[in-house]
Amino acid sequence: MIIVLLLEQNNYYVSVGKRFNSITPYISYEVEDNESRDEIFQPYQATLPAQLLIPVQGLVRSQARSAKTWNLGARYDFHPSAAFKVQYSSEKNDTSGVRSGLIALGVDLVF
């Protein structure tokens, strides 16, 4: 017997940026809406022991997530094969009710 663990995923993002010489500022908006599909376990409830069914259902339900994120960042091309990037992200997790922010810095190198 094989159980397929499926989530219904609805994700998208929109991003806008504009290059000014060697600097590219941008803003983006992301939506993540993943719903667990508990109904796929209905046929197996009578045949699978609870010791197996309950942990698997918990795993699938833990993948449910609903969040919206705003990103604001910039890229600075300081060399033809190198760029410095900075981004601030603000996420509101509707599943847990938590709002969080993150600052990310990075250097991209192409060789």
C-alpha atoms as a PDB file:
ATOM      1  CA  MET A   1       0.000   0.000   0.000  1.00  0.00           C
ATOM      2  CA  ILE A   2       1.386   3.418  -0.998  1.00  0.00           C
ATOM      3  CA  ILE A   3       0.129   6.667   0.515  1.00  0.00           C
ATOM      4  CA  VAL A   4       0.759   9.796  -1.514  1.00  0.00           C
ATOM      5  CA  LEU A   5       1.197  12.913   0.638  1.00  0.00           C
ATOM      6  CA  LEU A   6      -0.228  15.859  -1.266  1.00  0.00           C
ATOM      7  CA  LEU A   7      -0.629  19.496  -0.388  1.00  0.00           C
ATOM      8  CA  GLU A   8      -2.580  22.033  -2.345  1.00  0.00           C
ATOM      9  CA  GLN A   9      -0.069  24.789  -3.058  1.00  0.00           C
ATOM     10  CA  ASN A  10      -0.992  28.258  -4.293  1.00  0.00           C
ATOM     11  CA  ASN A  11       2.088  30.476  -4.398  1.00  0.00           C
ATOM     12  CA  TYR A  12       2.980  33.528  -6.434  1.00  0.00           C
ATOM     13  CA  TYR A  13       5.093  36.662  -6.328  1.00  0.00           C
ATOM     14  CA  VAL A  14       5.299  39.996  -8.116  1.00  0.00           C
ATOM     15  CA  SER A  15       8.555  41.911  -8.406  1.00  0.00           C
ATOM     16  CA  VAL A  16       9.476  45.300  -9.841  1.00  0.00           C
ATOM     17  CA  GLY A  17      12.970  46.718 -10.221  1.00  0.00           C
ATOM     18  CA  LYS A  18      14.754  49.452 -12.145  1.00  0.00           C
ATOM     19  CA  ARG A  19      18.435  49.617 -13.041  1.00  0.00           C
ATOM     20  CA  PHE A  20      20.230  52.956 -12.528  1.00  0.00           C
ATOM     21  CA  ASN A  21      23.778  52.540 -13.877  1.00  0.00           C
ATOM     22  CA  SER A  22      25.313  49.987 -11.483  1.00  0.00           C
ATOM     23  CA  ILE A  23      22.516  50.004  -8.849  1.00  0.00           C
ATOM     24  CA  THR A  24      19.237  48.093  -9.135  1.00  0.00           C
ATOM     25  CA  PRO A  25      16.618  48.731  -6.423  1.00  0.00           C
ATOM     26  CA  TYR A  26      13.599  46.416  -6.311  1.00  0.00           C
ATOM     27  CA  ILE A  27      10.483  45.552  -4.366  1.00  0.00           C
ATOM     28  CA  SER A  28       8.554  42.287  -4.390  1.00  0.00           C
ATOM     29  CA  TYR A  29       5.448  40.803  -2.794  1.00  0.00           C
ATOM     30  CA  GLU A  30       5.020  37.067  -2.149  1.00  0.00           C
ATOM     31  CA  VAL A  31       1.982  35.010  -1.179  1.00  0.00           C
ATOM     32  CA  GLU A  32       2.259  31.426   0.034  1.00  0.00           C
ATOM     33  CA  ASP A  33      -0.923  29.450   0.667  1.00  0.00           C
ATOM     34  CA  ASN A  34      -0.372  25.733   1.260  1.00  0.00           C
ATOM     35  CA  GLU A  35      -3.332  23.718   2.485  1.00  0.00           C
ATOM     36  CA  SER A  36      -3.054  20.162   3.769  1.00  0.00           C
ATOM     37  CA  ARG A  37      -5.432  17.686   2.194  1.00  0.00           C
ATOM     38  CA  ASP A  38      -6.493  15.467   5.061  1.00  0.00           C
ATOM     39  CA  GLU A  39      -9.214  13.834   2.962  1.00  0.00           C
ATOM     40  CA  ILE A  40      -6.621  11.623   1.259  1.00  0.00           C
ATOM     41  CA  PHE A  41      -6.374   9.612   4.502  1.00  0.00           C
ATOM     42  CA  GLN A  42     -10.099   8.831   4.760  1.00  0.00           C
ATOM     43  CA  PRO A  43      -9.846   5.470   2.895  1.00  0.00           C
ATOM     44  CA  TYR A  44      -6.923   4.313   5.069  1.00  0.00           C
ATOM     45  CA  GLN A  45      -8.334   5.086   8.510  1.00  0.00           C
ATOM     46  CA  ALA A  46      -9.832   1.610   8.874  1.00  0.00           C
ATOM     47  CA  THR A  47      -6.786  -0.273   7.595  1.00  0.00           C
ATOM     48  CA  LEU A  48      -3.775   1.575   9.021  1.00  0.00           C
ATOM     49  CA  PRO A  49      -2.939   1.308  12.712  1.00  0.00           C
ATOM     50  CA  ALA A  50      -3.168   4.578  14.650  1.00  0.00           C
ATOM     51  CA  GLN A  51       0.574   4.378  15.410  1.00  0.00           C
ATOM     52  CA  LEU A  52       1.221   4.903  11.683  1.00  0.00           C
ATOM     53  CA  LEU A  53      -1.756   6.996  10.600  1.00  0.00           C
ATOM     54  CA  ILE A  54      -1.570   9.721  13.278  1.00  0.00           C
ATOM     55  CA  PRO A  55       2.121  10.642  12.760  1.00  0.00           C
ATOM     56  CA  VAL A  56       1.686  10.771   8.982  1.00  0.00           C
ATOM     57  CA  GLN A  57      -1.400  12.983   9.301  1.00  0.00           C
ATOM     58  CA  GLY A  58       0.549  15.236  11.671  1.00  0.00           C
ATOM     59  CA  LEU A  59       3.373  15.500   9.151  1.00  0.00           C
ATOM     60  CA  VAL A  60       1.013  16.498   6.351  1.00  0.00           C
ATOM     61  CA  ARG A  61      -0.855  19.009   8.544  1.00  0.00           C
ATOM     62  CA  SER A  62       2.429  20.587   9.616  1.00  0.00           C
ATOM     63  CA  GLN A  63       3.087  21.538   5.983  1.00  0.00           C
ATOM     64  CA  ALA A  64       0.034  23.834   5.878  1.00  0.00           C
ATOM     65  CA  ARG A  65       1.211  27.427   5.685  1.00  0.00           C
ATOM     66  CA  SER A  66      -0.275  30.784   4.818  1.00  0.00           C
ATOM     67  CA  ALA A  67       2.067  33.782   4.646  1.00  0.00           C
ATOM     68  CA  LYS A  68       2.548  37.108   2.900  1.00  0.00           C
ATOM     69  CA  THR A  69       6.001  38.682   2.480  1.00  0.00           C
ATOM     70  CA  TRP A  70       7.257  42.088   1.349  1.00  0.00           C
ATOM     71  CA  ASN A  71      10.884  42.350   0.144  1.00  0.00           C
ATOM     72  CA  LEU A  72      12.802  45.574  -0.410  1.00  0.00           C
ATOM     73  CA  GLY A  73      16.331  45.392  -1.717  1.00  0.00           C
ATOM     74  CA  ALA A  74      19.098  46.639  -3.947  1.00  0.00           C
ATOM     75  CA  ARG A  75      21.933  45.220  -5.999  1.00  0.00           C
ATOM     76  CA  TYR A  76      25.191  47.079  -6.602  1.00  0.00           C
ATOM     77  CA  ASP A  77      27.387  45.801  -9.463  1.00  0.00           C
ATOM     78  CA  PHE A  78      30.825  46.929  -8.251  1.00  0.00           C
ATOM     79  CA  HIS A  79      32.727  44.787 -10.782  1.00  0.00           C
ATOM     80  CA  PRO A  80      31.768  43.216 -14.156  1.00  0.00           C
ATOM     81  CA  SER A  81      31.684  39.802 -12.445  1.00  0.00           C
ATOM     82  CA  ALA A  82      30.698  40.742  -8.866  1.00  0.00           C
ATOM     83  CA  ALA A  83      27.729  42.316  -7.113  1.00  0.00           C
ATOM     84  CA  PHE A  84      26.790  43.238  -3.567  1.00  0.00           C
ATOM     85  CA  LYS A  85      23.152  42.666  -2.554  1.00  0.00           C
ATOM     86  CA  VAL A  86      21.095  43.748   0.431  1.00  0.00           C
ATOM     87  CA  GLN A  87      17.467  42.862   1.128  1.00  0.00           C
ATOM     88  CA  TYR A  88      14.972  43.434   3.926  1.00  0.00           C
ATOM     89  CA  SER A  89      12.052  40.989   4.136  1.00  0.00           C
ATOM     90  CA  SER A  90       8.961  41.367   6.311  1.00  0.00           C
ATOM     91  CA  GLU A  91       6.751  38.288   6.601  1.00  0.00           C
ATOM     92  CA  LYS A  92       3.347  37.888   8.229  1.00  0.00           C
ATOM     93  CA  ASN A  93       2.634  34.219   8.871  1.00  0.00           C
ATOM     94  CA  ASP A  94      -1.164  33.924   8.948  1.00  0.00           C
ATOM     95  CA  THR A  95      -0.966  30.307  10.137  1.00  0.00           C
ATOM     96  CA  SER A  96       0.900  31.094  13.361  1.00  0.00           C
ATOM     97  CA  GLY A  97       0.089  34.815  13.653  1.00  0.00           C
ATOM     98  CA  VAL A  98       3.789  35.709  13.813  1.00  0.00           C
ATOM     99  CA  ARG A  99       5.315  38.702  12.013  1.00  0.00           C
ATOM    100  CA  SER A 100       9.058  38.589  11.405  1.00  0.00           C
ATOM    101  CA  GLY A 101      11.725  40.584   9.618  1.00  0.00           C
ATOM    102  CA  LEU A 102      15.051  39.611   8.104  1.00  0.00           C
ATOM    103  CA  ILE A 103      18.001  41.487   6.653  1.00  0.00           C
ATOM    104  CA  ALA A 104      20.087  39.556   4.141  1.00  0.00           C
ATOM    105  CA  LEU A 105      23.469  40.610   2.738  1.00  0.00           C
ATOM    106  CA  GLY A 106      25.378  38.833   0.007  1.00  0.00           C
ATOM    107  CA  VAL A 107      28.054  39.001  -2.626  1.00  0.00           C
ATOM    108  CA  ASP A 108      27.527  37.293  -5.986  1.00  0.00           C
ATOM    109  CA  LEU A 109      30.599  36.283  -7.924  1.00  0.00           C
ATOM    110  CA  VAL A 110      30.708  35.027 -11.518  1.00  0.00           C
ATOM    111  CA  PHE A 111      33.868  33.402 -12.803  1.00  0.00           C
END
